Amino acid sequence: MASDKEMGDFLAGVETRAFKTAQYAVRDADAALDIVQEAMVKLAERYGDRPAGELPLLFQRILQTTTLDHFRRQKVRDSRFASLASLGLPDDVDPLETLTSNAVAPLSMATRPADDTLGRTQTLTLIDAEIDRLPARQREAFLLRYWEDMDVAQTAALMGCSEGSVKTHCSRAVRTLAAALQAKGITL
């Protein structure tokens, strides 16, 4: 059984990677944050009695399921509001985006030197864009293997495919990313 400290340490350690994974899936930072928070609560409430070694795979499965739930809810919500033409807004305007937001930049970004932050932000934006362009299965395999540090067997079990497929997806993703980033002058 994972102690409260082990659970807290695990959740703190996986928070940033989980957020990035969810954000790649849903392409919406607010929705990704909600998904990660919901997944963390589910893990703590339902699986707090499991050994600490089981938490990474359980959390990944919960995160995937919660992401799918988000898409299901979004599909239902979209079907209810399919006829927004009655509001009289142009087709390219999202009515929810017309609401004001009180979004604030994270403190960590505000305390860095501007030139350092700008360079990192630009590089990360380019990398994120290239990861977003990968086919879904390649992106999923790449993120699980290299972002979540899962081995091939864990990734295959989570994706529901063979280990050979995971290796193929990862290899193609790495080649595609390397070529795209090199073409933009980024060498890692």
Protein backbone atom coordinates (compact mmCIF):
# COMPACT_ATOMS: atom_id res chain seq x y z
CA MET A 1 0.00 0.00 0.00
CA ALA A 2 1.34 3.42 -0.97
CA SER A 3 1.71 5.80 1.94
CA ASP A 4 0.32 9.32 1.75
CA LYS A 5 3.86 10.62 1.22
CA GLU A 6 4.52 8.14 -1.60
CA MET A 7 1.23 9.07 -3.26
CA GLY A 8 1.97 12.78 -2.87
CA ASP A 9 5.52 12.39 -4.20
CA PHE A 10 4.27 10.36 -7.15
CA LEU A 11 1.58 12.91 -8.05
CA ALA A 12 4.02 15.82 -7.70
CA GLY A 13 6.53 14.03 -9.93
CA VAL A 14 4.08 13.15 -12.67
CA GLU A 15 2.10 16.42 -12.72
CA THR A 16 4.02 18.30 -15.42
CA ARG A 17 4.40 15.34 -17.76
CA ALA A 18 0.73 14.39 -17.35
CA PHE A 19 -0.33 17.94 -18.13
CA LYS A 20 1.80 18.00 -21.28
CA THR A 21 0.48 14.61 -22.36
CA ALA A 22 -3.14 15.71 -21.86
CA GLN A 23 -2.45 19.00 -23.61
CA TYR A 24 -1.05 17.16 -26.65
CA ALA A 25 -4.18 15.03 -26.72
CA VAL A 26 -6.85 17.72 -26.33
CA ARG A 27 -4.91 20.78 -27.54
CA ASP A 28 -6.49 22.95 -24.84
CA ALA A 29 -4.54 23.94 -21.71
CA ASP A 30 -7.60 24.47 -19.52
CA ALA A 31 -9.18 21.16 -20.49
CA ALA A 32 -5.83 19.41 -20.02
CA LEU A 33 -5.52 20.82 -16.50
CA ASP A 34 -9.02 19.60 -15.67
CA ILE A 35 -8.23 16.15 -17.06
CA VAL A 36 -5.02 15.83 -15.05
CA GLN A 37 -6.68 16.98 -11.84
CA GLU A 38 -9.56 14.56 -12.35
CA ALA A 39 -7.14 11.70 -13.06
CA MET A 40 -5.12 12.49 -9.94
CA VAL A 41 -8.22 12.54 -7.75
CA LYS A 42 -9.40 9.22 -9.20
CA LEU A 43 -6.00 7.63 -8.56
CA ALA A 44 -5.88 8.85 -4.96
CA GLU A 45 -9.47 7.93 -4.16
CA ARG A 46 -9.73 4.58 -5.90
CA TYR A 47 -6.20 3.20 -5.90
CA GLY A 48 -4.57 4.63 -2.78
CA ASP A 49 -4.40 1.11 -1.33
CA ARG A 50 -2.15 -0.16 -4.15
CA PRO A 51 1.64 -0.53 -3.86
CA ALA A 52 3.67 2.47 -5.02
CA GLY A 53 5.16 0.44 -7.89
CA GLU A 54 1.75 0.05 -9.51
CA LEU A 55 0.92 3.76 -9.50
CA PRO A 56 2.62 4.79 -12.79
CA LEU A 57 0.71 2.33 -15.01
CA LEU A 58 -2.55 2.87 -13.13
CA PHE A 59 -2.21 6.61 -13.49
CA GLN A 60 -1.48 6.40 -17.21
CA ARG A 61 -4.56 4.25 -17.76
CA ILE A 62 -6.71 6.63 -15.71
CA LEU A 63 -5.30 9.61 -17.62
CA GLN A 64 -6.14 7.97 -20.95
CA THR A 65 -9.65 7.07 -19.80
CA THR A 66 -10.25 10.56 -18.44
CA THR A 67 -9.09 12.04 -21.75
CA LEU A 68 -11.50 9.81 -23.64
CA ASP A 69 -14.28 10.87 -21.26
CA HIS A 70 -13.44 14.49 -22.08
CA PHE A 71 -13.88 13.79 -25.80
CA ARG A 72 -17.18 11.99 -25.16
CA ARG A 73 -18.51 14.90 -23.11
CA GLN A 74 -17.29 17.34 -25.75
CA LYS A 75 -19.11 15.38 -28.47
CA VAL A 76 -22.37 15.52 -26.51
CA ARG A 77 -21.88 19.21 -25.73
CA ASP A 78 -21.12 19.97 -29.39
CA SER A 79 -24.22 18.15 -30.55
CA ARG A 80 -26.36 20.21 -28.17
CA PHE A 81 -24.93 23.49 -29.37
CA ALA A 82 -24.50 22.65 -33.04
CA SER A 83 -26.77 25.45 -34.10
CA LEU A 84 -24.95 28.55 -32.88
CA ALA A 85 -25.92 30.39 -36.03
CA SER A 86 -29.02 31.57 -34.17
CA LEU A 87 -26.75 33.77 -32.03
CA GLY A 88 -25.88 35.90 -35.04
CA LEU A 89 -22.10 35.57 -34.62
CA PRO A 90 -19.76 35.12 -37.59
CA ASP A 91 -18.77 31.51 -38.32
CA ASP A 92 -15.16 32.04 -37.26
CA VAL A 93 -16.01 33.43 -33.79
CA ASP A 94 -16.30 31.08 -30.84
CA PRO A 95 -18.89 32.50 -28.41
CA LEU A 96 -16.94 31.16 -25.43
CA GLU A 97 -13.83 33.02 -26.54
CA THR A 98 -15.69 36.32 -26.42
CA LEU A 99 -15.85 36.05 -22.61
CA THR A 100 -13.08 37.85 -20.73
CA SER A 101 -10.37 35.84 -19.07
CA ASN A 102 -8.21 36.62 -16.07
CA ALA A 103 -5.35 34.39 -17.19
CA VAL A 104 -2.00 35.19 -15.58
CA ALA A 105 1.45 34.02 -16.73
CA PRO A 106 3.04 31.47 -14.40
CA LEU A 107 5.41 32.99 -11.85
CA SER A 108 8.32 30.89 -13.06
CA MET A 109 8.11 32.53 -16.48
CA ALA A 110 7.91 36.01 -14.95
CA THR A 111 11.10 35.59 -12.89
CA ARG A 112 13.40 34.43 -15.73
CA PRO A 113 15.47 36.84 -17.83
CA ALA A 114 13.53 37.88 -20.92
CA ASP A 115 16.04 36.73 -23.54
CA ASP A 116 16.47 33.32 -21.89
CA THR A 117 12.72 32.86 -21.58
CA LEU A 118 12.09 33.93 -25.16
CA GLY A 119 14.67 31.52 -26.58
CA ARG A 120 13.37 28.59 -24.55
CA THR A 121 9.78 29.43 -25.31
CA GLN A 122 10.44 29.62 -29.05
CA THR A 123 12.33 26.33 -29.07
CA LEU A 124 9.69 24.56 -27.00
CA THR A 125 6.95 25.97 -29.21
CA LEU A 126 8.65 24.56 -32.30
CA ILE A 127 9.15 21.17 -30.65
CA ASP A 128 5.53 21.11 -29.45
CA ALA A 129 4.30 21.97 -32.93
CA GLU A 130 6.32 19.15 -34.48
CA ILE A 131 5.08 16.65 -31.88
CA ASP A 132 1.51 17.78 -32.62
CA ARG A 133 2.06 17.00 -36.31
CA LEU A 134 2.94 13.36 -35.63
CA PRO A 135 0.26 10.76 -36.35
CA ALA A 136 -1.72 9.90 -33.21
CA ARG A 137 -0.20 6.45 -32.57
CA GLN A 138 3.35 7.70 -33.14
CA ARG A 139 2.74 10.65 -30.82
CA GLU A 140 1.26 8.39 -28.15
CA ALA A 141 4.15 5.90 -28.33
CA PHE A 142 6.74 8.70 -28.36
CA LEU A 143 5.25 10.47 -25.34
CA LEU A 144 4.84 7.29 -23.32
CA ARG A 145 8.37 6.04 -24.07
CA TYR A 146 10.37 9.25 -23.92
CA TRP A 147 8.23 11.66 -21.94
CA GLU A 148 6.86 9.19 -19.38
CA ASP A 149 10.01 7.01 -19.39
CA MET A 150 8.06 3.78 -19.81
CA ASP A 151 9.73 0.70 -21.19
CA VAL A 152 8.58 -0.99 -24.39
CA ALA A 153 6.50 -3.64 -22.58
CA GLN A 154 4.66 -1.07 -20.45
CA THR A 155 3.98 1.11 -23.47
CA ALA A 156 2.70 -1.85 -25.49
CA ALA A 157 0.38 -2.91 -22.65
CA LEU A 158 -0.96 0.62 -22.29
CA MET A 159 -1.45 1.14 -26.03
CA GLY A 160 -2.93 -2.33 -26.56
CA CYS A 161 -0.45 -3.34 -29.26
CA SER A 162 2.67 -5.46 -29.67
CA GLU A 163 6.13 -4.42 -28.53
CA GLY A 164 7.24 -4.43 -32.17
CA SER A 165 4.54 -1.90 -33.02
CA VAL A 166 5.72 0.36 -30.19
CA LYS A 167 9.29 0.20 -31.49
CA THR A 168 8.12 0.98 -35.03
CA HIS A 169 5.96 3.92 -33.92
CA CYS A 170 8.79 5.33 -31.77
CA SER A 171 11.39 4.93 -34.49
CA ARG A 172 9.23 6.70 -37.05
CA ALA A 173 8.37 9.47 -34.60
CA VAL A 174 12.01 10.08 -33.72
CA ARG A 175 13.08 10.16 -37.37
CA THR A 176 10.27 12.53 -38.30
CA LEU A 177 10.93 14.85 -35.35
CA ALA A 178 14.69 14.89 -35.91
CA ALA A 179 14.29 15.76 -39.59
CA ALA A 180 11.68 18.45 -38.95
CA LEU A 181 13.65 20.09 -36.15
CA GLN A 182 16.91 19.90 -38.03
CA ALA A 183 15.25 21.62 -40.97
CA LYS A 184 14.36 24.48 -38.59
CA GLY A 185 17.90 24.71 -37.25
CA ILE A 186 17.31 22.96 -33.91
CA THR A 187 19.82 20.33 -32.91
CA LEU A 188 19.29 18.46 -29.68
